[in-house]
Protein backbone atom coordinates (compact mmCIF):
# COMPACT_ATOMS: atom_id res chain seq x y z
CA MET A 1 166.14 64.40 62.35
CA SER A 2 169.17 66.22 63.70
CA SER A 3 168.97 68.51 66.69
CA CYS A 4 170.33 71.43 64.73
CA ARG A 5 168.28 74.59 65.09
CA PRO A 6 168.22 77.99 63.41
CA VAL A 7 170.92 80.34 64.51
CA SER A 8 171.07 84.06 64.62
CA VAL A 9 174.20 86.02 64.04
CA PHE A 10 173.40 89.28 65.65
CA ASP A 11 176.24 91.65 64.95
CA ALA A 12 176.41 94.24 67.57
CA PHE A 13 173.20 94.60 67.09
CA VAL A 14 176.09 93.84 64.12
CA LEU A 15 178.69 94.59 61.69
CA SER A 16 181.60 96.86 62.11
CA SER A 17 179.96 99.86 63.49
CA CYS A 18 176.45 98.82 63.52
CA ASP A 19 174.40 95.89 64.43
CA ILE A 20 173.80 92.76 62.40
CA MET A 21 172.23 89.39 63.02
CA CYS A 22 172.39 86.14 61.18
CA TRP A 23 169.91 83.45 62.03
CA LEU A 24 170.51 79.78 61.29
CA PRO A 25 169.86 76.31 62.53
CA LEU A 26 171.56 76.07 65.90
CA TRP A 27 174.96 75.51 64.42
CA LEU A 28 175.73 78.99 63.18
CA GLN A 29 177.02 80.49 66.39
CA PRO A 30 180.01 82.61 65.83
CA LEU A 31 183.00 84.07 67.29
CA ILE A 32 183.81 87.49 66.26
CA GLY A 33 187.09 88.45 64.69
CA ALA A 34 189.87 88.77 67.16
CA LEU A 35 187.09 89.43 69.57
CA CYS A 36 185.85 86.98 72.08
CA PRO A 37 182.58 85.60 70.67
CA PHE A 38 179.87 84.02 72.64
CA LEU A 39 177.65 81.14 71.71
CA CYS A 40 174.25 81.76 73.22
CA ARG A 41 172.04 78.72 73.25
CA PRO A 42 168.30 78.70 73.84
CA ASP A 43 168.93 77.47 77.37
CA MET A 44 170.63 80.83 78.01
CA HIS A 45 174.05 79.30 78.54
CA ARG A 46 177.10 80.92 77.02
CA ALA A 47 180.04 79.12 75.58
CA GLU A 48 183.05 81.30 75.07
CA LEU A 49 185.28 80.96 72.06
CA HIS A 50 188.54 82.69 71.40
CA HIS A 51 189.32 83.26 67.78
CA GLN A 52 192.91 84.39 67.71
CA GLY A 53 195.18 85.67 65.02
CA ARG A 54 192.41 86.29 62.51
CA GLN A 55 193.22 89.59 60.88
CA SER A 56 192.36 88.85 57.28
CA ALA A 57 188.86 90.18 57.71
CA GLY A 58 189.56 92.87 60.23
CA CYS A 59 191.76 93.39 63.23
CA CYS A 60 188.99 93.53 65.77
CA ARG A 61 189.50 94.46 69.36
CA ALA A 62 186.88 94.58 72.07
CA ARG A 63 186.52 98.03 73.52
CA PRO A 64 183.63 99.98 75.04
CA HIS A 65 181.68 102.35 72.82
CA HIS A 66 179.13 104.87 73.93
CA ARG A 67 177.84 106.70 70.87
CA GLY A 68 174.31 105.76 69.92
CA SER A 69 173.24 102.40 68.67
CA GLY A 70 173.81 102.62 64.95
CA HIS A 71 177.58 102.83 65.11
CA GLN A 72 180.08 101.26 67.45
CA PRO A 73 178.02 98.34 68.79
CA THR A 74 178.90 95.96 71.60
CA TYR A 75 177.99 92.40 72.47
CA GLU A 76 176.31 93.35 75.74
CA ARG A 77 174.22 96.04 74.06
CA ALA A 78 172.88 93.56 71.57
CA HIS A 79 171.75 91.06 74.16
CA THR A 80 170.77 93.17 77.14
CA ARG A 81 168.98 95.95 75.29
CA SER A 82 167.28 93.90 72.60
CA VAL A 83 166.41 90.99 74.88
CA CYS A 84 167.22 88.63 72.02
CA LEU A 85 168.10 85.79 74.35
CA GLN A 86 164.91 86.05 76.33
CA ARG A 87 162.72 86.12 73.24
CA SER A 88 164.40 83.61 70.95
CA PRO A 89 164.41 80.30 72.93
CA GLY A 90 160.85 79.41 72.00
CA PHE A 91 161.82 79.42 68.34
CA GLY A 92 164.78 77.08 68.76
CA MET A 93 167.28 79.67 67.58
CA VAL A 94 170.78 80.44 68.60
CA VAL A 95 171.48 84.15 68.77
CA THR A 96 174.99 85.29 67.99
CA ALA A 97 175.91 88.79 69.06
CA LEU A 98 178.82 90.29 67.22
CA ALA A 99 180.52 93.39 68.51
CA LEU A 100 182.45 93.98 65.36
CA PRO A 101 184.33 97.25 65.12
CA SER A 102 186.78 97.09 62.24
CA GLY A 103 189.44 99.04 64.05
CA GLY A 104 192.04 98.49 66.69
CA CYS A 105 194.65 97.85 64.03
CA GLY A 106 196.85 100.82 64.80
CA ILE A 107 196.14 102.52 61.49
CA GLU A 108 196.80 106.23 61.57
CA GLY A 109 193.55 108.17 61.67
CA GLU A 110 191.20 105.27 62.33
CA ASP A 111 189.98 106.72 65.62
CA GLU A 112 189.62 110.32 64.51
CA SER A 113 185.86 110.21 63.88
CA TRP A 114 182.96 108.06 65.05
CA ASP A 115 181.53 107.55 61.56
CA PHE A 116 184.67 106.23 59.87
CA GLY A 117 187.45 103.84 60.79
CA THR A 118 187.10 102.00 64.08
CA GLY A 119 183.53 103.18 64.54
CA ALA A 120 182.24 102.43 61.06
CA GLY A 121 183.59 99.74 58.75
CA PHE A 122 180.38 99.77 56.67
CA TYR A 123 180.66 96.08 55.87
CA VAL A 124 182.67 96.63 52.73
CA ASP A 125 185.89 95.03 51.53
CA ALA A 126 188.13 98.08 51.38
CA THR A 127 190.30 98.55 48.31
CA GLN A 128 192.20 101.66 49.40
CA ASP A 129 195.30 102.01 51.53
CA PRO A 130 195.70 101.87 54.47
CA TRP A 131 192.37 100.12 55.01
CA LYS A 132 192.39 97.29 52.49
CA THR A 133 194.36 94.78 54.57
CA ASN A 134 192.14 94.77 57.64
CA TYR A 135 188.87 96.44 56.75
CA ARG A 136 187.20 93.50 54.99
CA MET A 137 184.04 93.06 57.01
CA TYR A 138 181.88 91.96 54.10
CA SER A 139 184.05 88.91 53.41
CA TYR A 140 184.34 88.23 57.11
CA VAL A 141 180.58 88.11 57.65
CA THR A 142 179.69 86.20 54.47
CA GLU A 143 182.65 83.82 54.15
CA GLU A 144 185.12 83.58 57.01
CA LEU A 145 182.70 83.64 59.91
CA PRO A 146 180.36 80.92 58.57
CA LYS A 147 183.36 78.66 57.98
CA LEU A 148 184.46 79.14 61.57
CA ILE A 149 180.99 78.34 62.81
CA ASN A 150 180.62 75.27 60.63
CA ALA A 151 183.98 74.00 61.81
CA ASN A 152 183.03 74.29 65.48
CA PHE A 153 179.30 73.57 65.72
CA PRO A 154 176.76 71.12 64.24
CA THR A 155 174.86 73.29 61.79
CA HIS A 156 172.74 73.35 58.67
CA PRO A 157 174.78 75.55 56.31
CA ASP A 158 171.85 75.91 53.94
CA ARG A 159 169.57 77.52 56.53
CA ILE A 160 170.65 81.00 57.51
CA SER A 161 169.14 84.45 57.59
CA ILE A 162 170.48 87.83 58.55
CA SER A 163 169.38 91.03 60.25
CA GLY A 164 170.87 94.24 61.54
CA HIS A 165 170.38 97.73 62.88
CA SER A 166 171.42 101.00 61.24
CA MET A 167 174.79 100.36 59.59
CA GLY A 168 174.25 96.73 60.51
CA GLY A 169 170.94 96.94 58.68
CA HIS A 170 172.84 98.17 55.65
CA GLY A 171 175.21 95.23 56.09
CA ALA A 172 172.38 92.72 56.39
CA LEU A 173 170.65 94.02 53.28
CA ILE A 174 173.72 94.00 51.07
CA CYS A 175 174.79 90.54 52.27
CA ALA A 176 171.38 89.15 51.31
CA LEU A 177 171.07 91.01 48.01
CA LYS A 178 174.63 90.21 46.89
CA ASN A 179 174.22 86.51 47.63
CA PRO A 180 170.91 85.30 46.13
CA GLY A 181 169.69 82.19 47.91
CA LYS A 182 172.30 82.24 50.67
CA TYR A 183 169.99 83.80 53.26
CA LYS A 184 166.46 82.54 53.77
CA ALA A 185 165.25 85.92 55.02
CA VAL A 186 166.51 89.37 55.90
CA SER A 187 165.27 92.08 58.22
CA ALA A 188 166.54 95.41 59.45
CA PHE A 189 165.93 98.13 61.98
CA ALA A 190 166.45 101.66 60.64
CA PRO A 191 168.94 100.56 57.98
CA ILE A 192 171.09 102.83 55.84
CA CYS A 193 169.32 101.93 52.60
CA ASN A 194 171.07 104.03 49.96
CA PRO A 195 174.58 104.88 51.25
CA MET A 196 175.74 106.28 47.90
CA GLN A 197 173.25 109.11 48.40
CA CYS A 198 173.79 109.94 52.08
CA PRO A 199 176.65 111.74 53.88
CA TRP A 200 177.58 108.73 56.04
CA GLY A 201 177.87 106.40 53.09
CA GLN A 202 179.63 108.87 50.82
CA LYS A 203 182.31 109.51 53.44
CA ALA A 204 182.85 105.81 54.13
CA PHE A 205 182.79 104.66 50.52
CA ALA A 206 185.18 107.37 49.37
CA GLY A 207 187.62 106.43 52.12
CA TYR A 208 187.42 102.66 51.77
CA LEU A 209 186.66 102.23 48.05
CA GLY A 210 188.08 105.33 46.39
CA SER A 211 186.60 108.07 44.23
CA ASP A 212 185.20 105.85 41.47
CA ARG A 213 181.51 105.78 42.37
CA SER A 214 180.88 102.78 40.14
CA THR A 215 182.73 100.65 42.70
CA TRP A 216 180.37 101.83 45.42
CA GLU A 217 177.38 100.22 43.75
CA ALA A 218 178.42 96.74 44.93
CA PHE A 219 177.72 97.79 48.52
CA ASP A 220 174.53 99.83 48.15
CA ALA A 221 171.27 97.99 48.90
CA THR A 222 169.14 100.20 46.66
CA VAL A 223 171.44 99.67 43.68
CA LEU A 224 171.71 95.95 44.38
CA ALA A 225 167.93 95.60 44.61
CA ALA A 226 167.59 97.12 41.14
CA SER A 227 169.57 94.25 39.64
CA TYR A 228 168.45 91.44 41.96
CA SER A 229 167.35 88.34 40.06
CA GLY A 230 167.55 85.61 42.70
CA PRO A 231 164.86 83.63 44.52
CA GLN A 232 162.15 85.47 46.40
CA LEU A 233 163.61 87.36 49.34
CA ASP A 234 161.11 88.68 51.87
CA ILE A 235 162.40 91.81 53.60
CA LEU A 236 161.10 93.20 56.89
CA ILE A 237 162.10 96.74 57.89
CA ASP A 238 161.11 98.66 61.00
CA GLN A 239 161.84 102.38 61.11
CA GLY A 240 161.23 104.86 63.91
CA ARG A 241 159.28 107.90 62.72
CA ASP A 242 161.14 110.14 65.19
CA ASP A 243 164.57 108.88 64.15
CA GLN A 244 166.83 111.93 63.82
CA PHE A 245 168.86 110.18 61.13
CA LEU A 246 165.74 109.57 59.06
CA SER A 247 164.95 113.28 59.01
CA ALA A 248 168.62 114.03 58.26
CA SER A 249 168.40 111.92 55.06
CA GLN A 250 170.99 109.41 56.25
CA LEU A 251 168.75 106.33 55.98
CA LEU A 252 166.65 106.91 52.82
CA PRO A 253 164.29 103.91 53.09
CA ASP A 254 161.92 105.36 50.46
CA ASN A 255 164.59 104.91 47.80
CA LEU A 256 164.92 101.21 48.55
CA ILE A 257 161.18 100.68 48.81
CA ALA A 258 160.59 102.29 45.42
CA VAL A 259 163.13 100.03 43.73
CA CYS A 260 161.84 96.91 45.48
CA SER A 261 158.30 97.77 44.42
CA GLU A 262 159.41 98.09 40.81
CA LYS A 263 161.36 94.81 40.96
CA LYS A 264 158.55 92.97 42.79
CA ILE A 265 160.81 92.27 45.79
CA PRO A 266 158.49 91.80 48.81
CA VAL A 267 159.10 94.41 51.51
CA VAL A 268 157.15 94.96 54.69
CA PHE A 269 158.07 98.47 55.85
CA ARG A 270 156.68 99.62 59.18
CA LEU A 271 157.08 103.27 60.20
CA GLN A 272 156.75 103.24 63.97
CA PRO A 273 155.49 106.50 65.56
CA GLY A 274 157.18 107.64 68.74
CA TYR A 275 160.42 105.71 68.18
CA ASP A 276 163.90 106.98 67.40
CA HIS A 277 167.19 105.26 66.49
CA SER A 278 167.92 103.73 69.89
CA TYR A 279 168.18 100.15 71.12
CA PHE A 280 164.88 100.57 72.92
CA PHE A 281 163.24 100.85 69.50
CA ILE A 282 164.75 97.45 68.68
CA TYR A 283 163.68 96.08 72.05
CA SER A 284 160.09 96.90 71.21
CA PHE A 285 159.94 95.01 67.92
CA ILE A 286 162.64 92.33 68.07
CA SER A 287 160.05 89.61 68.68
CA ASP A 288 158.45 90.31 65.31
CA HIS A 289 161.82 89.96 63.62
CA ILE A 290 162.57 86.71 65.39
CA LYS A 291 159.22 85.35 64.18
CA HIS A 292 159.99 86.56 60.66
CA HIS A 293 163.25 84.64 60.59
CA ALA A 294 161.83 81.55 62.29
CA LYS A 295 159.13 81.34 59.62
CA TYR A 296 161.70 80.87 56.86
CA LEU A 297 164.35 78.96 58.79
CA ASN A 298 161.87 76.36 59.99
CA ALA A 299 159.99 76.02 56.71
């Protein structure tokens, strides 16, 4: 039996302006865009990789961000505030933290607002100028990044799962629903579940994908769930009851849950009283998510 173990790709707590995690057998430890990725093994050691000149999926540049936890994530936030490294060794997982802002490409207007451009790539493959060359985070996470990992580490390509927070939760859900069978499990903290129906998603999709709303459906978890016909996919979602973005109708988990119930897609949805949208919410429940992924990765 090989020594490969499940790995977790944890994007910022991940994905362009939100957090995402992918869990796999120890080989899936990535490097993030033009960023400097870190391979975090169960023994708590870090191996540093430099992935240079990779702009096809996004011209990423490491820079500090300070606005909330749902957008503009960083590598240190993912690991220090979620305590992923401290809680994952016992499960034989590698945790990959991706601080993956899409920006830093010098595109006019990309830094004008925190919920679009550098701060929020929304894990889509943009089709509109001037974003379409660099803002391709969906393809980066699902195609380019796994290839980089497989080329550099001993892994089991057929054992991977994915998770994320806020926009990263949106990214995790769409990656799993758009690729039946690719991910063994998926989980999310306070994900944006129906971006076509919320202000954040409408702004991002219009900018990156254009005015034709039919093209937005390919990146909306609720719409994707309605047409999902792949193998059973068990979804775990934790949501803070005091999350200001929940009350502002930015997250819309009820829409996704209703569709999943109709389609018989298993969802465990936990509404956690006293918790908001912060990393400390994730800190409190990350162990449950690690166990969720370990169950399917080690099956």
